[in-house]
N, C-alpha and C. Protein backbone atom coordinates (compact mmCIF):
# COMPACT_ATOMS: atom_id res chain seq x y z
N MET A 1 0.84 -1.16 0.00
CA MET A 1 0.00 0.00 0.00
C MET A 1 0.90 1.23 0.00
N ALA A 2 0.69 2.16 -0.92
CA ALA A 2 1.51 3.36 -1.02
C ALA A 2 0.72 4.57 -0.53
N PHE A 3 1.42 5.47 0.13
CA PHE A 3 0.79 6.68 0.62
C PHE A 3 1.46 7.90 0.01
N TRP A 4 1.98 7.78 -1.19
CA TRP A 4 2.71 8.86 -1.83
C TRP A 4 1.78 9.71 -2.67
N ASN A 5 1.97 11.00 -2.62
CA ASN A 5 1.28 11.93 -3.52
C ASN A 5 2.24 12.33 -4.61
N SER A 6 1.71 12.82 -5.73
CA SER A 6 2.59 13.27 -6.80
C SER A 6 3.19 14.63 -6.48
N THR A 7 2.60 15.36 -5.54
CA THR A 7 3.12 16.67 -5.15
C THR A 7 4.16 16.49 -4.06
N PRO A 8 5.40 16.97 -4.31
CA PRO A 8 6.43 16.80 -3.29
C PRO A 8 6.11 17.61 -2.04
N LYS A 9 6.29 16.99 -0.89
CA LYS A 9 6.00 17.65 0.38
C LYS A 9 7.26 18.27 0.98
N ARG A 10 8.39 17.72 0.67
CA ARG A 10 9.69 18.14 1.20
C ARG A 10 9.72 18.08 2.72
N ARG A 11 10.19 19.13 3.38
CA ARG A 11 10.38 19.11 4.84
C ARG A 11 9.08 19.28 5.61
N LEU A 12 9.00 18.61 6.75
CA LEU A 12 7.89 18.79 7.67
C LEU A 12 8.16 20.03 8.53
N ASP A 13 7.10 20.65 9.00
CA ASP A 13 7.26 21.77 9.93
C ASP A 13 7.71 21.24 11.28
N PRO A 14 8.54 21.99 11.99
CA PRO A 14 8.95 21.56 13.33
C PRO A 14 7.76 21.56 14.28
N PRO A 15 7.79 20.68 15.29
CA PRO A 15 6.71 20.65 16.27
C PRO A 15 6.80 21.86 17.21
N PRO A 16 5.72 22.13 17.96
CA PRO A 16 5.72 23.28 18.87
C PRO A 16 6.91 23.30 19.84
N MET A 17 7.34 22.12 20.33
CA MET A 17 8.46 22.06 21.26
C MET A 17 9.71 22.74 20.70
N ALA A 18 9.91 22.66 19.40
CA ALA A 18 11.09 23.25 18.78
C ALA A 18 11.14 24.76 18.99
N HIS A 19 9.99 25.37 19.15
CA HIS A 19 9.91 26.82 19.33
C HIS A 19 9.79 27.21 20.80
N SER A 20 9.22 26.34 21.62
CA SER A 20 8.94 26.71 23.01
C SER A 20 10.01 26.27 24.01
N ASP A 21 10.87 25.33 23.63
CA ASP A 21 11.88 24.81 24.55
C ASP A 21 13.26 25.03 23.93
N ALA A 22 14.01 25.95 24.49
CA ALA A 22 15.33 26.28 23.94
C ALA A 22 16.30 25.10 23.98
N ARG A 23 16.02 24.09 24.80
CA ARG A 23 16.89 22.92 24.89
C ARG A 23 16.55 21.85 23.86
N ALA A 24 15.41 21.98 23.19
CA ALA A 24 14.96 20.96 22.23
C ALA A 24 15.88 20.94 21.01
N GLU A 25 16.23 19.73 20.57
CA GLU A 25 17.08 19.54 19.40
C GLU A 25 16.51 18.46 18.50
N GLU A 26 16.71 18.63 17.22
CA GLU A 26 16.33 17.58 16.27
C GLU A 26 17.41 16.50 16.34
N ILE A 27 16.98 15.24 16.55
CA ILE A 27 17.96 14.15 16.66
C ILE A 27 17.80 13.11 15.56
N LEU A 28 16.71 13.21 14.78
CA LEU A 28 16.47 12.23 13.73
C LEU A 28 15.72 12.90 12.58
N SER A 29 16.22 12.68 11.40
CA SER A 29 15.53 13.13 10.19
C SER A 29 15.54 11.97 9.21
N VAL A 30 14.40 11.68 8.61
CA VAL A 30 14.29 10.57 7.66
C VAL A 30 13.74 11.11 6.35
N TRP A 31 14.43 10.82 5.27
CA TRP A 31 13.95 11.18 3.93
C TRP A 31 13.70 9.89 3.17
N SER A 32 12.60 9.85 2.45
CA SER A 32 12.20 8.65 1.74
C SER A 32 11.82 9.01 0.31
N SER A 33 12.14 8.11 -0.61
CA SER A 33 11.80 8.29 -2.01
C SER A 33 11.14 7.01 -2.50
N PRO A 34 9.95 7.11 -3.09
CA PRO A 34 9.28 5.90 -3.59
C PRO A 34 10.21 5.09 -4.49
N GLY A 35 10.47 3.86 -4.11
CA GLY A 35 11.35 3.00 -4.88
C GLY A 35 12.82 3.32 -4.71
N GLY A 36 13.15 4.40 -3.99
CA GLY A 36 14.54 4.82 -3.85
C GLY A 36 15.10 4.62 -2.46
N GLY A 37 14.31 4.08 -1.56
CA GLY A 37 14.80 3.81 -0.22
C GLY A 37 14.67 4.99 0.71
N ASN A 38 15.35 4.88 1.84
CA ASN A 38 15.31 5.89 2.88
C ASN A 38 16.72 6.30 3.25
N GLN A 39 16.86 7.53 3.71
CA GLN A 39 18.13 7.98 4.26
C GLN A 39 17.85 8.67 5.59
N PHE A 40 18.71 8.42 6.55
CA PHE A 40 18.55 8.93 7.90
C PHE A 40 19.70 9.85 8.26
N VAL A 41 19.39 10.90 8.99
CA VAL A 41 20.39 11.74 9.62
C VAL A 41 20.13 11.62 11.12
N ILE A 42 21.15 11.18 11.84
CA ILE A 42 20.99 10.87 13.26
C ILE A 42 22.04 11.63 14.06
N ARG A 43 21.59 12.24 15.15
CA ARG A 43 22.50 12.87 16.11
C ARG A 43 22.42 12.06 17.40
N ILE A 44 23.54 11.50 17.81
CA ILE A 44 23.59 10.72 19.04
C ILE A 44 23.82 11.68 20.21
N GLU A 45 22.84 11.81 21.08
CA GLU A 45 22.94 12.70 22.24
C GLU A 45 22.98 11.95 23.55
N GLU A 46 22.49 10.74 23.58
CA GLU A 46 22.41 9.95 24.81
C GLU A 46 23.45 8.84 24.78
N GLU A 47 23.99 8.53 25.96
CA GLU A 47 24.97 7.46 26.07
C GLU A 47 24.35 6.08 25.91
N ASP A 48 23.15 5.90 26.44
CA ASP A 48 22.51 4.59 26.46
C ASP A 48 21.59 4.41 25.25
N PRO A 49 21.87 3.44 24.38
CA PRO A 49 21.04 3.21 23.19
C PRO A 49 19.60 2.82 23.50
N VAL A 50 19.30 2.46 24.76
CA VAL A 50 17.92 2.12 25.10
C VAL A 50 16.99 3.31 24.80
N VAL A 51 17.52 4.51 24.83
CA VAL A 51 16.73 5.70 24.52
C VAL A 51 16.15 5.60 23.11
N TRP A 52 16.90 5.02 22.18
CA TRP A 52 16.40 4.87 20.80
C TRP A 52 15.26 3.86 20.73
N GLY A 53 15.31 2.82 21.57
CA GLY A 53 14.19 1.88 21.63
C GLY A 53 12.93 2.57 22.10
N LEU A 54 13.06 3.41 23.13
CA LEU A 54 11.91 4.16 23.63
C LEU A 54 11.39 5.11 22.56
N LEU A 55 12.30 5.77 21.88
CA LEU A 55 11.92 6.70 20.82
C LEU A 55 11.16 6.00 19.69
N LEU A 56 11.62 4.82 19.30
CA LEU A 56 10.96 4.09 18.22
C LEU A 56 9.56 3.64 18.62
N VAL A 57 9.39 3.22 19.87
CA VAL A 57 8.06 2.84 20.35
C VAL A 57 7.16 4.07 20.40
N ASP A 58 7.70 5.19 20.91
CA ASP A 58 6.91 6.43 20.92
C ASP A 58 6.49 6.81 19.51
N ALA A 59 7.42 6.69 18.55
CA ALA A 59 7.10 7.03 17.16
C ALA A 59 5.98 6.13 16.63
N ALA A 60 6.04 4.84 16.93
CA ALA A 60 5.01 3.91 16.48
C ALA A 60 3.65 4.31 17.05
N ARG A 61 3.63 4.70 18.30
CA ARG A 61 2.36 5.12 18.92
C ARG A 61 1.82 6.40 18.30
N HIS A 62 2.70 7.32 17.96
CA HIS A 62 2.28 8.56 17.30
C HIS A 62 1.72 8.25 15.90
N VAL A 63 2.36 7.33 15.20
CA VAL A 63 1.87 6.93 13.88
C VAL A 63 0.48 6.30 14.01
N ALA A 64 0.32 5.43 15.00
CA ALA A 64 -1.00 4.80 15.23
C ALA A 64 -2.05 5.85 15.54
N LEU A 65 -1.69 6.84 16.33
CA LEU A 65 -2.62 7.92 16.65
C LEU A 65 -3.02 8.68 15.38
N ALA A 66 -2.04 8.95 14.53
CA ALA A 66 -2.33 9.67 13.27
C ALA A 66 -3.27 8.85 12.38
N TYR A 67 -3.06 7.56 12.30
CA TYR A 67 -3.98 6.70 11.54
C TYR A 67 -5.35 6.68 12.20
N GLY A 68 -5.37 6.68 13.53
CA GLY A 68 -6.64 6.70 14.25
C GLY A 68 -7.47 7.93 13.91
N VAL A 69 -6.81 9.07 13.77
CA VAL A 69 -7.50 10.30 13.39
C VAL A 69 -8.16 10.13 12.02
N ARG A 70 -7.56 9.29 11.18
CA ARG A 70 -8.12 9.00 9.85
C ARG A 70 -9.18 7.91 9.88
N GLY A 71 -9.47 7.39 11.07
CA GLY A 71 -10.52 6.40 11.19
C GLY A 71 -10.04 4.96 11.18
N VAL A 72 -8.73 4.75 11.19
CA VAL A 72 -8.17 3.40 11.19
C VAL A 72 -7.94 2.96 12.63
N ASP A 73 -8.23 1.70 12.93
CA ASP A 73 -8.05 1.16 14.27
C ASP A 73 -6.58 1.23 14.68
N SER A 74 -6.29 2.04 15.70
CA SER A 74 -4.90 2.26 16.09
C SER A 74 -4.23 1.00 16.64
N ARG A 75 -4.98 0.10 17.25
CA ARG A 75 -4.39 -1.17 17.72
C ARG A 75 -3.92 -2.01 16.54
N ARG A 76 -4.73 -2.03 15.48
CA ARG A 76 -4.35 -2.77 14.28
C ARG A 76 -3.11 -2.14 13.63
N VAL A 77 -3.06 -0.83 13.66
CA VAL A 77 -1.88 -0.13 13.13
C VAL A 77 -0.63 -0.54 13.91
N LEU A 78 -0.72 -0.53 15.23
CA LEU A 78 0.44 -0.94 16.04
C LEU A 78 0.83 -2.39 15.76
N ASP A 79 -0.16 -3.26 15.59
CA ASP A 79 0.15 -4.65 15.25
C ASP A 79 0.91 -4.73 13.92
N ARG A 80 0.46 -3.97 12.93
CA ARG A 80 1.12 -4.00 11.62
C ARG A 80 2.52 -3.40 11.68
N ILE A 81 2.68 -2.35 12.48
CA ILE A 81 4.02 -1.77 12.65
C ILE A 81 4.94 -2.81 13.28
N ARG A 82 4.46 -3.50 14.29
CA ARG A 82 5.26 -4.53 14.95
C ARG A 82 5.61 -5.65 13.97
N GLU A 83 4.64 -6.06 13.14
CA GLU A 83 4.91 -7.08 12.12
C GLU A 83 6.03 -6.61 11.20
N GLY A 84 5.94 -5.37 10.74
CA GLY A 84 6.98 -4.83 9.86
C GLY A 84 8.33 -4.78 10.54
N PHE A 85 8.33 -4.37 11.80
CA PHE A 85 9.57 -4.32 12.57
C PHE A 85 10.19 -5.70 12.69
N ASP A 86 9.37 -6.70 13.04
CA ASP A 86 9.87 -8.06 13.20
C ASP A 86 10.41 -8.63 11.89
N VAL A 87 9.71 -8.38 10.80
CA VAL A 87 10.17 -8.87 9.49
C VAL A 87 11.49 -8.21 9.12
N GLU A 88 11.56 -6.89 9.27
CA GLU A 88 12.79 -6.17 8.90
C GLU A 88 13.95 -6.57 9.80
N TRP A 89 13.66 -6.81 11.08
CA TRP A 89 14.71 -7.23 12.01
C TRP A 89 15.28 -8.59 11.61
N SER A 90 14.40 -9.51 11.19
CA SER A 90 14.82 -10.86 10.81
C SER A 90 15.41 -10.95 9.41
N HIS A 91 14.88 -10.13 8.49
CA HIS A 91 15.30 -10.18 7.08
C HIS A 91 15.47 -8.76 6.55
N PRO A 92 16.60 -8.11 6.87
CA PRO A 92 16.80 -6.72 6.48
C PRO A 92 16.69 -6.50 4.97
N THR A 93 16.03 -5.41 4.61
CA THR A 93 15.91 -5.03 3.20
C THR A 93 16.87 -3.90 2.86
N ASP A 94 17.69 -3.50 3.84
CA ASP A 94 18.57 -2.36 3.65
C ASP A 94 19.85 -2.60 4.44
N THR A 95 20.94 -2.06 3.95
CA THR A 95 22.20 -2.10 4.67
C THR A 95 22.59 -0.67 5.00
N PRO A 96 22.65 -0.32 6.29
CA PRO A 96 23.01 1.05 6.64
C PRO A 96 24.42 1.40 6.17
N VAL A 97 24.57 2.62 5.74
CA VAL A 97 25.88 3.15 5.33
C VAL A 97 26.04 4.54 5.94
N ILE A 98 27.27 4.96 6.07
CA ILE A 98 27.57 6.31 6.54
C ILE A 98 27.48 7.25 5.34
N ILE A 99 26.74 8.33 5.51
CA ILE A 99 26.62 9.33 4.46
C ILE A 99 27.56 10.47 4.80
N ASP A 100 28.43 10.80 3.88
CA ASP A 100 29.37 11.90 4.09
C ASP A 100 28.60 13.21 4.09
N PRO A 101 28.56 13.90 5.24
CA PRO A 101 27.76 15.12 5.32
C PRO A 101 28.24 16.22 4.38
N GLY A 102 29.47 16.14 3.91
CA GLY A 102 29.98 17.17 3.00
C GLY A 102 29.68 16.90 1.55
N THR A 103 29.05 15.77 1.25
CA THR A 103 28.78 15.39 -0.13
C THR A 103 27.29 15.10 -0.31
N PRO A 104 26.57 15.97 -1.03
CA PRO A 104 25.14 15.72 -1.22
C PRO A 104 24.84 14.57 -2.17
N LYS A 105 25.88 13.97 -2.78
CA LYS A 105 25.67 12.93 -3.77
C LYS A 105 25.27 11.60 -3.18
N GLY A 106 25.55 11.37 -1.90
CA GLY A 106 25.09 10.10 -1.34
C GLY A 106 26.07 9.40 -0.43
N PRO A 107 25.84 8.09 -0.26
CA PRO A 107 26.57 7.33 0.75
C PRO A 107 28.03 7.09 0.40
N THR A 108 28.82 7.02 1.46
CA THR A 108 30.23 6.65 1.36
C THR A 108 30.53 5.69 2.49
N ASN A 109 31.61 4.97 2.38
CA ASN A 109 32.01 4.08 3.47
C ASN A 109 33.19 4.65 4.14
C-alpha cells in the first residue's frame, strides 16, 4: 500500500516544542523516495542506546494515533508496525551506510 502523492511535500514543519523549549534539538531526520529507499540523519545525544528503543516505540504510537485520526483502528496499526519491525529485524531489506555530510551525492564508506 503506497501513501505517496505526486506533489512533493519536502520538509515537515517543526513541532511546537522546537519553538517553546530552547533545549529541544532535532535528533532524527528521515527522507524517503518511492522506490529509492530511505536515508537517515541521526545525532547521538544519549549514552545509552535504550533511549532509541523508547523513541521508536513512541514514534510507532504517534503513527498509530495519526492513523486513528483518519478512522483506522490504532491497535491494528500498532500490530502492523510490529509485524513490519519483526520482518525487517529478521530479514533486512537495507544495509546502513555512513553518508558523508559534505557530499550531497550520497553514501560513502
